[in-house]
Amino acid sequence: MTTNNLIRASSGQALIEYLFIFAFMTFITINMVRGLGKTMFQSVGYLGFEMTEQFSTGVCKYECFYSHYKNQETR
């Protein structure tokens, strides 16, 4: 094989390699975004649950964790 034929035979190899690298990076990025989305969804769900518990159970009369409720009694 001459040098010209060798260059022509491998002329598209770099493009294919770049496409494989791009596909791999896209796959990694999509999985990272999915994982972060799932984590954020769970965190917001836990926060919503805690807020619901705080606002639906009422205020303790004297020794509350959060002491700035307006209807809290003082001793």
PDB file of N, CA and C in Angstrom:
ATOM      1  N   MET A   1       0.846  -1.173   0.000  1.00  0.00           N
ATOM      2  CA  MET A   1       0.000   0.000   0.000  1.00  0.00           C
ATOM      3  C   MET A   1       0.894   1.239   0.000  1.00  0.00           C
ATOM      4  N   THR A   2       0.555   2.171  -0.797  1.00  0.00           N
ATOM      5  CA  THR A   2       1.345   3.404  -0.838  1.00  0.00           C
ATOM      6  C   THR A   2       0.865   4.358   0.235  1.00  0.00           C
ATOM      7  N   THR A   3       1.596   5.431   0.430  1.00  0.00           N
ATOM      8  CA  THR A   3       1.255   6.407   1.466  1.00  0.00           C
ATOM      9  C   THR A   3      -0.073   7.084   1.164  1.00  0.00           C
ATOM     10  N   ASN A   4      -0.329   7.399  -0.106  1.00  0.00           N
ATOM     11  CA  ASN A   4      -1.603   8.036  -0.476  1.00  0.00           C
ATOM     12  C   ASN A   4      -2.784   7.126  -0.172  1.00  0.00           C
ATOM     13  N   ASN A   5      -2.668   5.866  -0.494  1.00  0.00           N
ATOM     14  CA  ASN A   5      -3.769   4.918  -0.225  1.00  0.00           C
ATOM     15  C   ASN A   5      -3.985   4.749   1.273  1.00  0.00           C
ATOM     16  N   LEU A   6      -2.922   4.754   2.049  1.00  0.00           N
ATOM     17  CA  LEU A   6      -3.029   4.617   3.499  1.00  0.00           C
ATOM     18  C   LEU A   6      -3.730   5.831   4.111  1.00  0.00           C
ATOM     19  N   ILE A   7      -3.400   7.009   3.605  1.00  0.00           N
ATOM     20  CA  ILE A   7      -4.048   8.234   4.106  1.00  0.00           C
ATOM     21  C   ILE A   7      -5.526   8.234   3.747  1.00  0.00           C
ATOM     22  N   ARG A   8      -5.853   7.824   2.542  1.00  0.00           N
ATOM     23  CA  ARG A   8      -7.258   7.783   2.123  1.00  0.00           C
ATOM     24  C   ARG A   8      -8.047   6.739   2.929  1.00  0.00           C
ATOM     25  N   ALA A   9      -7.434   5.640   3.247  1.00  0.00           N
ATOM     26  CA  ALA A   9      -8.123   4.571   3.973  1.00  0.00           C
ATOM     27  C   ALA A   9      -8.411   4.961   5.413  1.00  0.00           C
ATOM     28  N   SER A  10      -7.585   5.801   6.011  1.00  0.00           N
ATOM     29  CA  SER A  10      -7.799   6.193   7.411  1.00  0.00           C
ATOM     30  C   SER A  10      -8.311   7.616   7.566  1.00  0.00           C
ATOM     31  N   SER A  11      -8.815   8.208   6.501  1.00  0.00           N
ATOM     32  CA  SER A  11      -9.230   9.608   6.569  1.00  0.00           C
ATOM     33  C   SER A  11     -10.465   9.817   7.434  1.00  0.00           C
ATOM     34  N   GLY A  12     -11.358   8.862   7.551  1.00  0.00           N
ATOM     35  CA  GLY A  12     -12.561   9.021   8.363  1.00  0.00           C
ATOM     36  C   GLY A  12     -12.435   8.461   9.769  1.00  0.00           C
ATOM     37  N   GLN A  13     -11.282   7.919  10.108  1.00  0.00           N
ATOM     38  CA  GLN A  13     -11.105   7.285  11.410  1.00  0.00           C
ATOM     39  C   GLN A  13     -11.199   8.291  12.556  1.00  0.00           C
ATOM     40  N   ALA A  14     -10.616   9.452  12.404  1.00  0.00           N
ATOM     41  CA  ALA A  14     -10.656  10.463  13.467  1.00  0.00           C
ATOM     42  C   ALA A  14     -12.087  10.919  13.716  1.00  0.00           C
ATOM     43  N   LEU A  15     -12.850  11.087  12.652  1.00  0.00           N
ATOM     44  CA  LEU A  15     -14.246  11.494  12.805  1.00  0.00           C
ATOM     45  C   LEU A  15     -15.028  10.449  13.594  1.00  0.00           C
ATOM     46  N   ILE A  16     -14.827   9.182  13.285  1.00  0.00           N
ATOM     47  CA  ILE A  16     -15.512   8.111  13.997  1.00  0.00           C
ATOM     48  C   ILE A  16     -15.089   8.087  15.459  1.00  0.00           C
ATOM     49  N   GLU A  17     -13.809   8.284  15.719  1.00  0.00           N
ATOM     50  CA  GLU A  17     -13.331   8.311  17.109  1.00  0.00           C
ATOM     51  C   GLU A  17     -13.954   9.468  17.881  1.00  0.00           C
ATOM     52  N   TYR A  18     -14.017  10.626  17.253  1.00  0.00           N
ATOM     53  CA  TYR A  18     -14.654  11.780  17.909  1.00  0.00           C
ATOM     54  C   TYR A  18     -16.131  11.524  18.166  1.00  0.00           C
ATOM     55  N   LEU A  19     -16.807  10.853  17.254  1.00  0.00           N
ATOM     56  CA  LEU A  19     -18.222  10.529  17.462  1.00  0.00           C
ATOM     57  C   LEU A  19     -18.406   9.566  18.636  1.00  0.00           C
ATOM     58  N   PHE A  20     -17.501   8.589  18.766  1.00  0.00           N
ATOM     59  CA  PHE A  20     -17.569   7.672  19.907  1.00  0.00           C
ATOM     60  C   PHE A  20     -17.328   8.407  21.224  1.00  0.00           C
ATOM     61  N   ILE A  21     -16.367   9.304  21.235  1.00  0.00           N
ATOM     62  CA  ILE A  21     -16.086  10.081  22.450  1.00  0.00           C
ATOM     63  C   ILE A  21     -17.278  10.959  22.799  1.00  0.00           C
ATOM     64  N   PHE A  22     -17.861  11.607  21.791  1.00  0.00           N
ATOM     65  CA  PHE A  22     -19.034  12.455  22.019  1.00  0.00           C
ATOM     66  C   PHE A  22     -20.211  11.634  22.545  1.00  0.00           C
ATOM     67  N   ALA A  23     -20.436  10.450  21.976  1.00  0.00           N
ATOM     68  CA  ALA A  23     -21.540   9.598  22.434  1.00  0.00           C
ATOM     69  C   ALA A  23     -21.310   9.150  23.871  1.00  0.00           C
ATOM     70  N   PHE A  24     -20.080   8.801  24.213  1.00  0.00           N
ATOM     71  CA  PHE A  24     -19.768   8.379  25.578  1.00  0.00           C
ATOM     72  C   PHE A  24     -19.979   9.522  26.564  1.00  0.00           C
ATOM     73  N   MET A  25     -19.509  10.712  26.236  1.00  0.00           N
ATOM     74  CA  MET A  25     -19.683  11.867  27.120  1.00  0.00           C
ATOM     75  C   MET A  25     -21.164  12.231  27.268  1.00  0.00           C
ATOM     76  N   THR A  26     -21.920  12.098  26.198  1.00  0.00           N
ATOM     77  CA  THR A  26     -23.364  12.356  26.264  1.00  0.00           C
ATOM     78  C   THR A  26     -24.046  11.355  27.183  1.00  0.00           C
ATOM     79  N   PHE A  27     -23.669  10.100  27.084  1.00  0.00           N
ATOM     80  CA  PHE A  27     -24.225   9.060  27.946  1.00  0.00           C
ATOM     81  C   PHE A  27     -23.929   9.364  29.414  1.00  0.00           C
ATOM     82  N   ILE A  28     -22.700   9.727  29.719  1.00  0.00           N
ATOM     83  CA  ILE A  28     -22.314  10.062  31.097  1.00  0.00           C
ATOM     84  C   ILE A  28     -23.095  11.272  31.593  1.00  0.00           C
ATOM     85  N   THR A  29     -23.205  12.297  30.778  1.00  0.00           N
ATOM     86  CA  THR A  29     -23.917  13.517  31.171  1.00  0.00           C
ATOM     87  C   THR A  29     -25.389  13.245  31.442  1.00  0.00           C
ATOM     88  N   ILE A  30     -26.034  12.479  30.582  1.00  0.00           N
ATOM     89  CA  ILE A  30     -27.458  12.182  30.770  1.00  0.00           C
ATOM     90  C   ILE A  30     -27.669  11.414  32.072  1.00  0.00           C
ATOM     91  N   ASN A  31     -26.815  10.451  32.367  1.00  0.00           N
ATOM     92  CA  ASN A  31     -26.965   9.692  33.611  1.00  0.00           C
ATOM     93  C   ASN A  31     -26.703  10.556  34.837  1.00  0.00           C
ATOM     94  N   MET A  32     -25.769  11.491  34.746  1.00  0.00           N
ATOM     95  CA  MET A  32     -25.518  12.392  35.871  1.00  0.00           C
ATOM     96  C   MET A  32     -26.723  13.299  36.117  1.00  0.00           C
ATOM     97  N   VAL A  33     -27.312  13.819  35.061  1.00  0.00           N
ATOM     98  CA  VAL A  33     -28.479  14.690  35.204  1.00  0.00           C
ATOM     99  C   VAL A  33     -29.657  13.916  35.782  1.00  0.00           C
ATOM    100  N   ARG A  34     -29.845  12.689  35.341  1.00  0.00           N
ATOM    101  CA  ARG A  34     -30.915  11.861  35.911  1.00  0.00           C
ATOM    102  C   ARG A  34     -30.697  11.630  37.404  1.00  0.00           C
ATOM    103  N   GLY A  35     -29.472  11.308  37.778  1.00  0.00           N
ATOM    104  CA  GLY A  35     -29.160  11.069  39.185  1.00  0.00           C
ATOM    105  C   GLY A  35     -29.368  12.302  40.035  1.00  0.00           C
ATOM    106  N   LEU A  36     -28.923  13.452  39.535  1.00  0.00           N
ATOM    107  CA  LEU A  36     -29.113  14.691  40.283  1.00  0.00           C
ATOM    108  C   LEU A  36     -30.594  15.056  40.381  1.00  0.00           C
ATOM    109  N   GLY A  37     -31.333  14.831  39.310  1.00  0.00           N
ATOM    110  CA  GLY A  37     -32.769  15.107  39.340  1.00  0.00           C
ATOM    111  C   GLY A  37     -33.488  14.246  40.358  1.00  0.00           C
ATOM    112  N   LYS A  38     -33.123  12.984  40.414  1.00  0.00           N
ATOM    113  CA  LYS A  38     -33.743  12.074  41.388  1.00  0.00           C
ATOM    114  C   LYS A  38     -33.408  12.497  42.810  1.00  0.00           C
ATOM    115  N   THR A  39     -32.157  12.868  43.044  1.00  0.00           N
ATOM    116  CA  THR A  39     -31.739  13.318  44.368  1.00  0.00           C
ATOM    117  C   THR A  39     -32.474  14.588  44.772  1.00  0.00           C
ATOM    118  N   MET A  40     -32.577  15.540  43.865  1.00  0.00           N
ATOM    119  CA  MET A  40     -33.279  16.786  44.173  1.00  0.00           C
ATOM    120  C   MET A  40     -34.759  16.526  44.434  1.00  0.00           C
ATOM    121  N   PHE A  41     -35.375  15.639  43.656  1.00  0.00           N
ATOM    122  CA  PHE A  41     -36.788  15.329  43.846  1.00  0.00           C
ATOM    123  C   PHE A  41     -37.019  14.718  45.222  1.00  0.00           C
ATOM    124  N   GLN A  42     -36.136  13.810  45.639  1.00  0.00           N
ATOM    125  CA  GLN A  42     -36.273  13.201  46.958  1.00  0.00           C
ATOM    126  C   GLN A  42     -36.054  14.228  48.059  1.00  0.00           C
ATOM    127  N   SER A  43     -35.078  15.102  47.892  1.00  0.00           N
ATOM    128  CA  SER A  43     -34.795  16.122  48.911  1.00  0.00           C
ATOM    129  C   SER A  43     -35.971  17.070  49.081  1.00  0.00           C
ATOM    130  N   VAL A  44     -36.554  17.493  47.982  1.00  0.00           N
ATOM    131  CA  VAL A  44     -37.709  18.389  48.052  1.00  0.00           C
ATOM    132  C   VAL A  44     -38.888  17.650  48.670  1.00  0.00           C
ATOM    133  N   GLY A  45     -39.019  16.368  48.377  1.00  0.00           N
ATOM    134  CA  GLY A  45     -40.097  15.579  48.981  1.00  0.00           C
ATOM    135  C   GLY A  45     -39.940  15.484  50.489  1.00  0.00           C
ATOM    136  N   TYR A  46     -38.717  15.245  50.953  1.00  0.00           N
ATOM    137  CA  TYR A  46     -38.464  15.181  52.395  1.00  0.00           C
ATOM    138  C   TYR A  46     -38.713  16.538  53.043  1.00  0.00           C
ATOM    139  N   LEU A  47     -38.295  17.593  52.379  1.00  0.00           N
ATOM    140  CA  LEU A  47     -38.516  18.936  52.915  1.00  0.00           C
ATOM    141  C   LEU A  47     -40.011  19.231  53.004  1.00  0.00           C
ATOM    142  N   GLY A  48     -40.751  18.865  51.968  1.00  0.00           N
ATOM    143  CA  GLY A  48     -42.200  19.059  51.991  1.00  0.00           C
ATOM    144  C   GLY A  48     -42.864  18.280  53.110  1.00  0.00           C
ATOM    145  N   PHE A  49     -42.409  17.059  53.349  1.00  0.00           N
ATOM    146  CA  PHE A  49     -42.964  16.252  54.429  1.00  0.00           C
ATOM    147  C   PHE A  49     -42.707  16.912  55.778  1.00  0.00           C
ATOM    148  N   GLU A  50     -41.485  17.369  55.997  1.00  0.00           N
ATOM    149  CA  GLU A  50     -41.155  18.013  57.269  1.00  0.00           C
ATOM    150  C   GLU A  50     -41.934  19.304  57.461  1.00  0.00           C
ATOM    151  N   MET A  51     -42.084  20.082  56.404  1.00  0.00           N
ATOM    152  CA  MET A  51     -42.851  21.323  56.514  1.00  0.00           C
ATOM    153  C   MET A  51     -44.313  21.021  56.828  1.00  0.00           C
ATOM    154  N   THR A  52     -44.867  19.992  56.202  1.00  0.00           N
ATOM    155  CA  THR A  52     -46.251  19.604  56.482  1.00  0.00           C
ATOM    156  C   THR A  52     -46.405  19.181  57.933  1.00  0.00           C
ATOM    157  N   GLU A  53     -45.448  18.411  58.431  1.00  0.00           N
ATOM    158  CA  GLU A  53     -45.495  17.993  59.832  1.00  0.00           C
ATOM    159  C   GLU A  53     -45.443  19.201  60.762  1.00  0.00           C
ATOM    160  N   GLN A  54     -44.573  20.145  60.477  1.00  0.00           N
ATOM    161  CA  GLN A  54     -44.429  21.315  61.332  1.00  0.00           C
ATOM    162  C   GLN A  54     -45.699  22.157  61.337  1.00  0.00           C
ATOM    163  N   PHE A  55     -46.296  22.352  60.173  1.00  0.00           N
ATOM    164  CA  PHE A  55     -47.452  23.248  60.084  1.00  0.00           C
ATOM    165  C   PHE A  55     -48.769  22.577  60.418  1.00  0.00           C
ATOM    166  N   SER A  56     -48.853  21.258  60.375  1.00  0.00           N
ATOM    167  CA  SER A  56     -50.135  20.610  60.629  1.00  0.00           C
ATOM    168  C   SER A  56     -50.281  20.120  62.062  1.00  0.00           C
ATOM    169  N   THR A  57     -49.201  19.900  62.794  1.00  0.00           N
ATOM    170  CA  THR A  57     -49.327  19.377  64.149  1.00  0.00           C
ATOM    171  C   THR A  57     -49.535  20.477  65.178  1.00  0.00           C
ATOM    172  N   GLY A  58     -49.343  21.703  64.794  1.00  0.00           N
ATOM    173  CA  GLY A  58     -49.544  22.792  65.737  1.00  0.00           C
ATOM    174  C   GLY A  58     -48.253  23.191  66.427  1.00  0.00           C
ATOM    175  N   VAL A  59     -48.415  24.062  67.380  1.00  0.00           N
ATOM    176  CA  VAL A  59     -47.268  24.617  68.076  1.00  0.00           C
ATOM    177  C   VAL A  59     -47.257  24.093  69.499  1.00  0.00           C
ATOM    178  N   CYS A  60     -46.090  23.722  69.961  1.00  0.00           N
ATOM    179  CA  CYS A  60     -45.998  23.298  71.348  1.00  0.00           C
ATOM    180  C   CYS A  60     -46.166  24.526  72.252  1.00  0.00           C
ATOM    181  N   LYS A  61     -46.601  24.301  73.492  1.00  0.00           N
ATOM    182  CA  LYS A  61     -46.934  25.440  74.342  1.00  0.00           C
ATOM    183  C   LYS A  61     -45.718  26.170  74.894  1.00  0.00           C
ATOM    184  N   TYR A  62     -44.671  25.441  75.274  1.00  0.00           N
ATOM    185  CA  TYR A  62     -43.580  26.115  75.985  1.00  0.00           C
ATOM    186  C   TYR A  62     -42.212  25.943  75.334  1.00  0.00           C
ATOM    187  N   GLU A  63     -41.738  24.731  75.213  1.00  0.00           N
ATOM    188  CA  GLU A  63     -40.363  24.516  74.760  1.00  0.00           C
ATOM    189  C   GLU A  63     -40.340  23.988  73.324  1.00  0.00           C
ATOM    190  N   CYS A  64     -40.449  24.885  72.407  1.00  0.00           N
ATOM    191  CA  CYS A  64     -40.480  24.517  70.997  1.00  0.00           C
ATOM    192  C   CYS A  64     -39.078  24.558  70.401  1.00  0.00           C
ATOM    193  N   PHE A  65     -38.897  23.793  69.356  1.00  0.00           N
ATOM    194  CA  PHE A  65     -37.636  23.836  68.621  1.00  0.00           C
ATOM    195  C   PHE A  65     -37.488  25.199  67.949  1.00  0.00           C
ATOM    196  N   TYR A  66     -38.574  25.675  67.377  1.00  0.00           N
ATOM    197  CA  TYR A  66     -38.591  26.991  66.734  1.00  0.00           C
ATOM    198  C   TYR A  66     -39.422  27.902  67.621  1.00  0.00           C
ATOM    199  N   SER A  67     -38.833  28.898  68.204  1.00  0.00           N
ATOM    200  CA  SER A  67     -39.503  29.667  69.251  1.00  0.00           C
ATOM    201  C   SER A  67     -40.164  30.955  68.763  1.00  0.00           C
ATOM    202  N   HIS A  68     -40.347  31.140  67.478  1.00  0.00           N
ATOM    203  CA  HIS A  68     -40.915  32.399  66.991  1.00  0.00           C
ATOM    204  C   HIS A  68     -42.353  32.275  66.501  1.00  0.00           C
ATOM    205  N   TYR A  69     -43.065  31.262  66.958  1.00  0.00           N
ATOM    206  CA  TYR A  69     -44.481  31.152  66.603  1.00  0.00           C
ATOM    207  C   TYR A  69     -45.272  32.210  67.390  1.00  0.00           C
ATOM    208  N   LYS A  70     -46.260  32.794  66.757  1.00  0.00           N
ATOM    209  CA  LYS A  70     -47.026  33.868  67.403  1.00  0.00           C
ATOM    210  C   LYS A  70     -47.934  33.363  68.503  1.00  0.00           C
ATOM    211  N   ASN A  71     -48.393  32.141  68.430  1.00  0.00           N
ATOM    212  CA  ASN A  71     -49.326  31.631  69.430  1.00  0.00           C
ATOM    213  C   ASN A  71     -48.637  30.805  70.510  1.00  0.00           C
ATOM    214  N   GLN A  72     -47.333  30.954  70.659  1.00  0.00           N
ATOM    215  CA  GLN A  72     -46.602  30.228  71.699  1.00  0.00           C
ATOM    216  C   GLN A  72     -46.756  30.958  73.030  1.00  0.00           C
ATOM    217  N   GLU A  73     -47.015  30.204  74.065  1.00  0.00           N
ATOM    218  CA  GLU A  73     -47.175  30.788  75.395  1.00  0.00           C
ATOM    219  C   GLU A  73     -45.804  30.979  76.039  1.00  0.00           C
ATOM    220  N   THR A  74     -45.684  32.005  76.823  1.00  0.00           N
ATOM    221  CA  THR A  74     -44.434  32.220  77.549  1.00  0.00           C
ATOM    222  C   THR A  74     -44.650  31.846  78.994  1.00  0.00           C
ATOM    223  N   ARG A  75     -43.596  31.465  79.670  1.00  0.00           N
ATOM    224  CA  ARG A  75     -43.696  31.085  81.080  1.00  0.00           C
ATOM    225  C   ARG A  75     -43.404  32.244  81.945  1.00  0.00           C
TER     226      ARG A  75
END
